[in-house]
């Protein structure tokens, strides 16, 4: 597998996570947290920073080990393989919900008559080509795209200021703290996605480069800024009751924007989501392939890619009935629970490995 630098990892993850936050999780956040959604994001910042530190420590202790190998190192072969199997199921889940979300998004806003299987086949060919080029190429493309997205995203935020009513953000905590806690769990699960860092080969650009903890912290703050901006903007523009009824609220905001000669700026939203989903799926495809081959001791990379692709299509088209089924089960129910795999298990692995490291130093001291 190719190496990517700490700096490149920020760009890569900053393309992967906003797709989920902007396209999939907005409806869930408003459904579970209401107006408290934006406050929940702010309250989750310390959790994100702490998790970034934990990933930094795991990488520093064992820089050449993946999360699959770290699990076996910490808990032994049998229990370690059971834990790492949970990670593999998690990565497959991410592939499935991303593919379905992309197909549903395209059909709702752009190509309602095109069969899902045709769209899926076309997009997955691009995903497999991206996999063929390697993770470093994917990260380099992310660098360019993220800068464009930040610029245009800020421009959209400024252009829609006249439509925003800050009173729609209040009052808070009308239903107690449970909505806040639910929103924090969803946001924690979003931060949990960057466990993929421990499935990639990371390196410093040069000796004086910032540490992984620094880049992880920058990433957490950047994702918070992007997710918070989208949540607060849609809430201020549409109000709570209306925004709950929008399938893709962020795209509805983009449709309101016109820049001079650009009459259909919603094409920007479509392009961002499509490119982001391709980058996201290709990265998870690489990560899952690497994990499966380590778990089973396999060498044939593309045979595993083929098996993953078939499994993703079968689960997506046979296991998801419609948008409501997807939203109710796969997103609103399962996504918050995914934090038990993406956050809780890595924390346990870190605690065990830190204790083992301390005991080893005391034994040799």
Protein backbone atom coordinates (compact mmCIF):
# COMPACT_ATOMS: atom_id res chain seq x y z
CA UNK A 1 0.00 0.00 0.00
CA UNK A 2 1.18 3.54 -0.77
CA UNK A 3 2.09 6.00 1.99
CA UNK A 4 0.33 9.30 2.57
CA UNK A 5 1.61 12.12 4.74
CA UNK A 6 -0.06 13.43 7.89
CA UNK A 7 -0.97 16.59 5.99
CA UNK A 8 -2.53 14.61 3.15
CA UNK A 9 -4.59 12.63 5.66
CA UNK A 10 -6.35 15.86 6.70
CA UNK A 11 -7.35 16.62 3.12
CA UNK A 12 -8.44 13.04 2.50
CA UNK A 13 -10.61 12.78 5.60
CA UNK A 14 -12.00 16.27 5.05
CA UNK A 15 -13.43 15.02 1.75
CA UNK A 16 -14.70 11.75 3.21
CA UNK A 17 -16.57 12.92 6.32
CA UNK A 18 -18.47 15.97 4.98
CA UNK A 19 -20.21 13.74 2.45
CA UNK A 20 -21.80 11.88 5.35
CA UNK A 21 -22.46 15.05 7.35
CA UNK A 22 -23.89 17.13 4.50
CA UNK A 23 -25.78 14.49 2.53
CA UNK A 24 -26.89 11.82 5.00
CA UNK A 25 -26.81 13.01 8.61
CA UNK A 26 -28.61 16.37 8.43
CA UNK A 27 -32.08 14.82 8.54
CA UNK A 28 -31.04 12.47 11.34
CA UNK A 29 -29.54 15.28 13.40
CA UNK A 30 -32.67 17.40 13.13
CA UNK A 31 -34.90 14.39 13.79
CA UNK A 32 -33.02 13.37 16.95
CA UNK A 33 -31.86 16.74 18.27
CA UNK A 34 -34.04 19.44 16.75
CA UNK A 35 -32.64 22.91 17.40
CA UNK A 36 -30.12 21.39 19.80
CA UNK A 37 -28.24 19.89 16.83
CA UNK A 38 -25.79 22.77 16.48
CA UNK A 39 -25.13 22.82 20.24
CA UNK A 40 -24.50 19.05 20.15
CA UNK A 41 -21.78 19.52 17.53
CA UNK A 42 -20.01 22.12 19.67
CA UNK A 43 -20.25 19.92 22.77
CA UNK A 44 -18.63 17.01 20.91
CA UNK A 45 -15.42 18.91 20.09
CA UNK A 46 -13.58 17.67 23.25
CA UNK A 47 -14.52 14.08 22.39
CA UNK A 48 -13.19 14.53 18.87
CA UNK A 49 -9.91 16.02 20.12
CA UNK A 50 -9.48 13.22 22.68
CA UNK A 51 -10.15 10.60 20.03
CA UNK A 52 -7.60 12.27 17.76
CA UNK A 53 -5.06 11.99 20.57
CA UNK A 54 -5.85 8.29 21.06
CA UNK A 55 -5.30 7.56 17.37
CA UNK A 56 -2.05 9.52 17.53
CA UNK A 57 -0.85 7.43 20.48
CA UNK A 58 -1.73 4.14 18.78
CA UNK A 59 0.14 5.20 15.67
CA UNK A 60 3.12 6.38 17.70
CA UNK A 61 3.32 3.13 19.69
CA UNK A 62 3.06 0.90 16.61
CA UNK A 63 3.49 3.01 13.44
CA UNK A 64 3.61 0.02 11.08
CA UNK A 65 0.56 -1.78 12.51
CA UNK A 66 -3.00 -1.51 11.25
CA UNK A 67 -6.08 -1.52 13.46
CA UNK A 68 -6.61 -5.21 12.68
CA UNK A 69 -3.08 -6.03 13.82
CA UNK A 70 -3.33 -3.76 16.87
CA UNK A 71 -6.48 -5.58 18.02
CA UNK A 72 -4.73 -8.95 17.89
CA UNK A 73 -1.65 -7.49 19.55
CA UNK A 74 -3.71 -6.16 22.43
CA UNK A 75 -6.24 -8.94 22.95
CA UNK A 76 -4.64 -12.04 21.45
CA UNK A 77 -5.50 -13.95 18.31
CA UNK A 78 -9.05 -15.13 19.07
CA UNK A 79 -10.51 -12.07 20.79
CA UNK A 80 -8.42 -9.76 18.61
CA UNK A 81 -9.82 -11.32 15.44
CA UNK A 82 -13.35 -10.99 16.82
CA UNK A 83 -12.78 -7.29 17.47
CA UNK A 84 -11.16 -6.72 14.09
CA UNK A 85 -14.08 -8.52 12.42
CA UNK A 86 -16.30 -5.80 13.88
CA UNK A 87 -14.12 -3.23 12.10
CA UNK A 88 -14.47 -5.08 8.79
CA UNK A 89 -18.26 -5.17 9.14
CA UNK A 90 -18.13 -1.46 9.98
CA UNK A 91 -16.15 -0.64 6.82
CA UNK A 92 -18.58 -2.69 4.71
CA UNK A 93 -21.49 -0.83 6.32
CA UNK A 94 -19.89 2.49 5.37
CA UNK A 95 -19.49 1.36 1.77
CA UNK A 96 -23.11 0.26 1.55
CA UNK A 97 -24.67 3.39 3.03
CA UNK A 98 -22.44 5.64 0.91
CA UNK A 99 -23.37 3.87 -2.32
CA UNK A 100 -27.08 3.91 -1.52
CA UNK A 101 -26.97 7.56 -0.42
CA UNK A 102 -25.20 8.57 -3.63
CA UNK A 103 -27.68 6.73 -5.86
CA UNK A 104 -30.67 8.07 -3.94
CA UNK A 105 -29.29 11.62 -4.02
CA UNK A 106 -28.68 11.51 -7.79
CA UNK A 107 -32.15 10.13 -8.48
CA UNK A 108 -33.90 12.64 -6.23
CA UNK A 109 -32.17 15.80 -7.48
CA UNK A 110 -30.91 15.02 -10.97
CA UNK A 111 -31.71 11.73 -12.76
CA UNK A 112 -35.04 10.38 -11.45
CA UNK A 113 -35.66 8.08 -14.44
CA UNK A 114 -32.25 6.38 -14.53
CA UNK A 115 -32.21 2.87 -12.98
CA UNK A 116 -30.26 2.59 -9.74
CA UNK A 117 -28.26 -0.39 -10.97
CA UNK A 118 -27.02 1.55 -14.00
CA UNK A 119 -25.91 4.49 -11.86
CA UNK A 120 -24.31 2.14 -9.35
CA UNK A 121 -22.35 0.26 -12.01
CA UNK A 122 -21.11 3.49 -13.60
CA UNK A 123 -20.00 5.06 -10.34
CA UNK A 124 -18.38 1.90 -9.02
CA UNK A 125 -16.25 1.60 -12.15
CA UNK A 126 -14.87 5.03 -11.26
CA UNK A 127 -14.35 3.87 -7.68
CA UNK A 128 -12.38 0.82 -8.82
CA UNK A 129 -10.29 2.98 -11.13
CA UNK A 130 -9.50 5.27 -8.19
CA UNK A 131 -8.55 2.19 -6.16
CA UNK A 132 -6.23 1.15 -9.00
CA UNK A 133 -4.46 4.54 -8.96
CA UNK A 134 -3.78 4.18 -5.22
CA UNK A 135 -4.48 6.02 -2.00
CA UNK A 136 -1.79 8.65 -2.62
CA UNK A 137 -3.44 9.76 -5.86
CA UNK A 138 -6.81 9.88 -4.11
CA UNK A 139 -5.29 12.04 -1.36
CA UNK A 140 -3.73 14.41 -3.90
CA UNK A 141 -7.06 14.89 -5.66
CA UNK A 142 -8.64 15.59 -2.27
CA UNK A 143 -6.16 18.42 -1.66
CA UNK A 144 -7.34 20.30 -4.74
CA UNK A 145 -11.04 19.61 -4.25
CA UNK A 146 -11.12 20.56 -0.58
CA UNK A 147 -9.73 24.04 -1.24
CA UNK A 148 -12.39 24.59 -3.91
CA UNK A 149 -15.12 23.30 -1.61
CA UNK A 150 -14.10 25.54 1.30
CA UNK A 151 -14.06 28.61 -0.96
CA UNK A 152 -17.41 27.88 -2.57
CA UNK A 153 -18.93 26.76 0.72
CA UNK A 154 -18.03 30.06 2.38
CA UNK A 155 -19.36 31.90 -0.68
CA UNK A 156 -22.69 30.09 -0.38
CA UNK A 157 -22.83 30.93 3.32
CA UNK A 158 -22.32 34.62 2.56
CA UNK A 159 -24.76 34.64 -0.37
CA UNK A 160 -27.57 33.19 1.77
CA UNK A 161 -27.17 35.60 4.71
CA UNK A 162 -30.31 37.60 3.74
CA UNK A 163 -32.35 34.38 3.96
CA UNK A 164 -31.15 33.46 7.44
CA UNK A 165 -33.11 34.08 10.62
CA UNK A 166 -30.96 33.56 13.72
CA UNK A 167 -34.07 33.24 15.87
CA UNK A 168 -34.59 29.78 14.33
CA UNK A 169 -31.59 28.56 16.34
CA UNK A 170 -33.43 29.10 19.63
CA UNK A 171 -34.73 28.15 22.15
CA UNK A 172 -32.43 25.33 23.19
CA UNK A 173 -33.01 22.31 25.45
CA UNK A 174 -36.81 22.47 25.28
CA UNK A 175 -36.98 18.67 25.59
CA UNK A 176 -34.25 18.34 28.22
CA UNK A 177 -30.78 16.96 27.56
CA UNK A 178 -31.72 13.77 25.69
CA UNK A 179 -31.84 15.45 22.23
CA UNK A 180 -28.44 17.02 22.94
CA UNK A 181 -26.98 13.66 23.93
CA UNK A 182 -28.43 12.00 20.82
CA UNK A 183 -26.83 14.63 18.60
CA UNK A 184 -23.52 14.22 20.39
CA UNK A 185 -23.65 10.46 19.76
CA UNK A 186 -24.23 11.01 16.03
CA UNK A 187 -21.36 13.52 15.87
CA UNK A 188 -19.11 11.17 17.84
CA UNK A 189 -19.89 8.44 15.30
CA UNK A 190 -18.94 10.88 12.54
CA UNK A 191 -15.58 11.57 14.20
CA UNK A 192 -15.19 7.82 14.67
CA UNK A 193 -14.90 7.41 10.91
CA UNK A 194 -11.32 8.53 10.95
CA UNK A 195 -10.23 5.20 12.39
CA UNK A 196 -9.41 4.60 8.74
CA UNK A 197 -6.17 6.45 9.54
CA UNK A 198 -5.01 3.35 11.38
CA UNK A 199 -5.68 1.24 8.28
CA UNK A 200 -3.46 3.41 6.07
CA UNK A 201 0.30 3.84 5.93
CA UNK A 202 1.15 7.28 7.28
CA UNK A 203 4.41 9.20 7.24
CA UNK A 204 5.79 12.65 7.94
CA UNK A 205 6.50 14.94 4.99
CA UNK A 206 9.85 15.77 6.57
CA UNK A 207 11.54 15.79 9.97
CA UNK A 208 10.04 19.14 11.00
CA UNK A 209 6.47 18.25 10.00
CA UNK A 210 3.72 18.60 12.58
CA UNK A 211 2.75 15.50 14.56
CA UNK A 212 -0.27 13.35 13.79
CA UNK A 213 -1.92 14.72 16.93
CA UNK A 214 -1.65 18.25 15.51
CA UNK A 215 -3.09 17.26 12.14
CA UNK A 216 -5.85 15.25 13.84
CA UNK A 217 -6.76 18.29 15.94
CA UNK A 218 -6.85 20.52 12.87
CA UNK A 219 -9.06 17.97 11.17
CA UNK A 220 -11.53 17.80 14.09
CA UNK A 221 -11.86 21.59 14.14
CA UNK A 222 -12.25 21.76 10.35
CA UNK A 223 -14.97 19.10 10.29
CA UNK A 224 -16.71 20.83 13.21
CA UNK A 225 -16.67 24.11 11.28
CA UNK A 226 -18.07 22.49 8.13
CA UNK A 227 -20.74 20.39 9.87
CA UNK A 228 -21.77 23.23 12.18
CA UNK A 229 -22.02 25.63 9.24
CA UNK A 230 -24.31 23.31 7.31
CA UNK A 231 -26.52 22.49 10.31
CA UNK A 232 -26.91 26.09 11.43
CA UNK A 233 -27.43 27.48 7.91
CA UNK A 234 -30.19 25.07 6.97
CA UNK A 235 -31.88 25.59 10.34
CA UNK A 236 -31.73 29.39 10.06
CA UNK A 237 -33.03 29.39 6.48
CA UNK A 238 -35.84 26.84 6.67
CA UNK A 239 -36.73 26.62 10.37
CA UNK A 240 -37.04 23.39 12.33
CA UNK A 241 -40.41 22.16 11.07
CA UNK A 242 -39.63 22.68 7.39
CA UNK A 243 -36.08 21.34 7.54
CA UNK A 244 -37.30 18.04 9.03
CA UNK A 245 -39.28 17.45 5.83
CA UNK A 246 -36.36 18.00 3.45
CA UNK A 247 -34.56 14.87 2.28
CA UNK A 248 -31.42 16.78 1.27
CA UNK A 249 -31.51 20.11 3.07
CA UNK A 250 -27.99 21.17 2.08
CA UNK A 251 -28.83 20.79 -1.61
CA UNK A 252 -31.96 22.89 -1.05
CA UNK A 253 -29.74 25.69 0.27
CA UNK A 254 -27.41 25.46 -2.73
CA UNK A 255 -30.38 25.72 -5.11
CA UNK A 256 -31.18 29.15 -3.66
CA UNK A 257 -27.84 30.61 -4.73
CA UNK A 258 -27.17 32.49 -7.97
CA UNK A 259 -23.83 34.08 -8.79
CA UNK A 260 -24.28 36.43 -11.73
CA UNK A 261 -24.28 34.36 -14.91
CA UNK A 262 -24.44 31.08 -12.94
CA UNK A 263 -28.15 30.28 -12.84
CA UNK A 264 -27.98 26.65 -11.67
CA UNK A 265 -25.48 26.58 -8.83
CA UNK A 266 -27.04 23.35 -7.61
CA UNK A 267 -24.76 21.63 -10.12
CA UNK A 268 -22.00 22.50 -7.66
CA UNK A 269 -23.75 20.53 -4.92
CA UNK A 270 -24.20 17.54 -7.20
CA UNK A 271 -20.54 17.62 -8.27
CA UNK A 272 -19.29 17.89 -4.68
CA UNK A 273 -21.40 14.99 -3.47
CA UNK A 274 -20.51 12.75 -6.42
CA UNK A 275 -16.76 13.41 -6.16
CA UNK A 276 -16.86 13.15 -2.38
CA UNK A 277 -18.70 9.83 -2.53
CA UNK A 278 -16.22 8.42 -5.07
CA UNK A 279 -13.29 9.42 -2.86
CA UNK A 280 -15.08 8.07 0.21
CA UNK A 281 -15.99 4.72 -1.35
CA UNK A 282 -12.57 4.19 -2.94
CA UNK A 283 -10.87 4.85 0.41
CA UNK A 284 -13.16 2.49 2.32
CA UNK A 285 -12.74 -0.09 -0.45
CA UNK A 286 -8.95 0.06 -0.03
CA UNK A 287 -9.21 -0.05 3.77
CA UNK A 288 -11.65 -2.97 3.78
CA UNK A 289 -9.55 -4.88 1.25
CA UNK A 290 -6.44 -4.41 3.35
CA UNK A 291 -8.27 -5.49 6.50
CA UNK A 292 -9.79 -8.62 4.96
CA UNK A 293 -6.46 -9.75 3.52
CA UNK A 294 -4.76 -9.26 6.89
CA UNK A 295 -7.60 -11.01 8.73
CA UNK A 296 -7.59 -14.04 6.40
CA UNK A 297 -3.92 -13.98 5.40
CA UNK A 298 -4.72 -13.53 1.70
CA UNK A 299 -2.43 -12.12 -0.99
CA UNK A 300 -4.69 -11.69 -4.04
CA UNK A 301 -5.76 -8.05 -3.82
CA UNK A 302 -8.12 -7.81 -6.79
CA UNK A 303 -9.92 -11.05 -6.02
CA UNK A 304 -10.83 -9.50 -2.67
CA UNK A 305 -11.86 -6.25 -4.40
CA UNK A 306 -14.20 -8.22 -6.65
CA UNK A 307 -15.74 -10.03 -3.66
CA UNK A 308 -16.22 -6.73 -1.81
CA UNK A 309 -17.85 -5.11 -4.83
CA UNK A 310 -20.31 -7.98 -5.28
CA UNK A 311 -21.16 -7.95 -1.56
CA UNK A 312 -21.73 -4.17 -1.57
CA UNK A 313 -24.14 -4.40 -4.52
CA UNK A 314 -26.03 -7.36 -3.08
CA UNK A 315 -26.50 -5.69 0.32
CA UNK A 316 -27.36 -2.31 -1.21
CA UNK A 317 -29.97 -3.54 -3.69
CA UNK A 318 -31.35 -6.52 -1.75
CA UNK A 319 -31.02 -5.25 1.80
CA UNK A 320 -32.39 -1.70 1.48
CA UNK A 321 -36.05 -1.46 0.47
CA UNK A 322 -36.45 2.28 -0.06
CA UNK A 323 -35.33 5.69 1.20
CA UNK A 324 -37.43 5.49 4.36
CA UNK A 325 -36.05 2.06 5.24
CA UNK A 326 -32.54 3.38 4.62
CA UNK A 327 -33.10 6.49 6.72
CA UNK A 328 -34.89 4.79 9.62
CA UNK A 329 -32.70 1.70 10.00
CA UNK A 330 -29.33 2.23 8.34
CA UNK A 331 -28.84 5.88 9.32
CA UNK A 332 -31.01 6.93 12.27
CA UNK A 333 -30.66 3.62 14.15
CA UNK A 334 -27.38 2.02 13.08
CA UNK A 335 -25.16 5.04 12.43
CA UNK A 336 -25.18 6.35 16.04
CA UNK A 337 -24.60 2.78 17.26
CA UNK A 338 -21.58 2.48 14.96
CA UNK A 339 -19.68 4.60 17.50
CA UNK A 340 -19.44 1.47 19.67
CA UNK A 341 -17.18 0.00 16.98
CA UNK A 342 -15.41 3.06 15.61
CA UNK A 343 -14.77 4.81 18.94
CA UNK A 344 -15.29 2.44 21.89
CA UNK A 345 -13.20 -0.48 20.59
CA UNK A 346 -10.18 1.65 19.56
CA UNK A 347 -10.28 3.27 23.01
CA UNK A 348 -10.17 -0.20 24.63
CA UNK A 349 -7.32 -1.27 22.34
CA UNK A 350 -5.40 1.90 23.23
CA UNK A 351 -5.87 1.39 26.99
CA UNK A 352 -4.66 -2.22 26.80
CA UNK A 353 -1.65 -1.40 24.62
CA UNK A 354 -0.67 1.59 26.76
CA UNK A 355 -0.78 -0.61 29.87
CA UNK A 356 1.26 -3.31 28.15
CA UNK A 357 3.79 -0.72 27.05
CA UNK A 358 4.10 0.65 30.60
CA UNK A 359 4.51 -2.86 32.06
CA UNK A 360 7.15 -3.73 29.45
CA UNK A 361 9.14 -0.60 30.28
CA UNK A 362 8.94 -1.37 33.99
CA UNK A 363 10.03 -4.94 33.33
CA UNK A 364 13.10 -3.84 31.40
CA UNK A 365 13.84 -0.90 33.69
